[in-house]
Amino acid sequence: MSKLRMKTIKEFNEKDLKSKILESRTELAKLRVDSSKGTLRKESGKLKPIRHNIARMLTRLNEMEKEK
C-alpha cells in the first residue's frame, strides 16, 4: 500500500475508513511477524508508511466523530 494523502482519505465514508484501517492493521501485523522471523527484506520499508496511513485514517475518523 502506498502513502495515502489526506485528500483521498477525506473522500472515504466512515464504513470505508473502518474497513481500510482493519485491512492495514492486518497487513502491518503480518509484516511484523515476518520481521520478527527475519524473513522481511524487501518489504522492510513498508512498516513506517503503513503505520502513518493508519494514523491518518484514525485522525480522520476522530474528526468525523466530532462533527456529529
Protein backbone atom coordinates (compact mmCIF):
# COMPACT_ATOMS: atom_id res chain seq x y z
CA MET A 1 0.00 0.00 0.00
CA SER A 2 1.35 3.39 -0.92
CA LYS A 3 1.09 6.59 1.08
CA LEU A 4 -2.48 7.79 1.40
CA ARG A 5 -2.95 11.53 1.21
CA MET A 6 -5.44 13.29 3.45
CA LYS A 7 -7.21 14.48 0.31
CA THR A 8 -8.07 10.90 -0.64
CA ILE A 9 -8.81 9.89 2.95
CA LYS A 10 -11.36 12.70 3.28
CA GLU A 11 -13.29 11.21 0.35
CA PHE A 12 -13.93 7.96 2.26
CA ASN A 13 -17.04 7.50 4.36
CA GLU A 14 -16.93 6.06 7.87
CA LYS A 15 -17.56 2.47 6.79
CA ASP A 16 -14.79 2.57 4.17
CA LEU A 17 -12.35 4.08 6.66
CA LYS A 18 -13.01 1.38 9.23
CA SER A 19 -12.50 -1.36 6.66
CA LYS A 20 -9.28 0.25 5.37
CA ILE A 21 -7.97 0.55 8.94
CA LEU A 22 -8.72 -3.10 9.60
CA GLU A 23 -7.05 -4.11 6.35
CA SER A 24 -3.97 -2.02 7.11
CA ARG A 25 -3.69 -3.37 10.64
CA THR A 26 -3.77 -6.97 9.41
CA GLU A 27 -1.11 -6.20 6.82
CA LEU A 28 1.01 -4.49 9.49
CA ALA A 29 0.65 -7.48 11.82
CA LYS A 30 1.74 -9.83 9.03
CA LEU A 31 4.78 -7.68 8.26
CA ARG A 32 5.70 -7.51 11.95
CA VAL A 33 5.58 -11.30 12.22
CA ASP A 34 7.78 -11.62 9.14
CA SER A 35 10.15 -9.06 10.64
CA SER A 36 10.47 -10.96 13.89
CA LYS A 37 11.16 -14.18 11.97
CA GLY A 38 13.86 -12.44 9.98
CA THR A 39 12.22 -13.12 6.61
CA LEU A 40 11.33 -9.48 5.95
CA ARG A 41 13.80 -8.00 3.50
CA LYS A 42 12.33 -6.13 0.55
CA GLU A 43 9.22 -5.06 2.48
CA SER A 44 11.09 -3.61 5.46
CA GLY A 45 10.40 -0.10 4.19
CA LYS A 46 6.64 -0.70 4.24
CA LEU A 47 6.22 -0.72 8.03
CA LYS A 48 6.51 3.01 8.63
CA PRO A 49 4.20 4.16 5.79
CA ILE A 50 1.52 1.67 6.89
CA ARG A 51 1.70 2.97 10.45
CA HIS A 52 1.41 6.54 9.21
CA ASN A 53 -1.55 5.66 6.97
CA ILE A 54 -3.34 4.08 9.93
CA ALA A 55 -2.70 7.21 11.99
CA ARG A 56 -4.07 9.44 9.20
CA MET A 57 -7.20 7.33 8.87
CA LEU A 58 -7.76 7.27 12.64
CA THR A 59 -7.35 11.06 12.73
CA ARG A 60 -9.97 11.46 10.01
CA LEU A 61 -12.29 9.02 11.79
CA ASN A 62 -11.98 11.06 15.00
CA GLU A 63 -12.71 14.25 13.07
CA MET A 64 -15.85 12.64 11.67
CA GLU A 65 -16.93 11.58 15.17
CA LYS A 66 -16.52 15.13 16.48
CA GLU A 67 -18.58 16.57 13.60
CA LYS A 68 -21.61 14.52 14.63
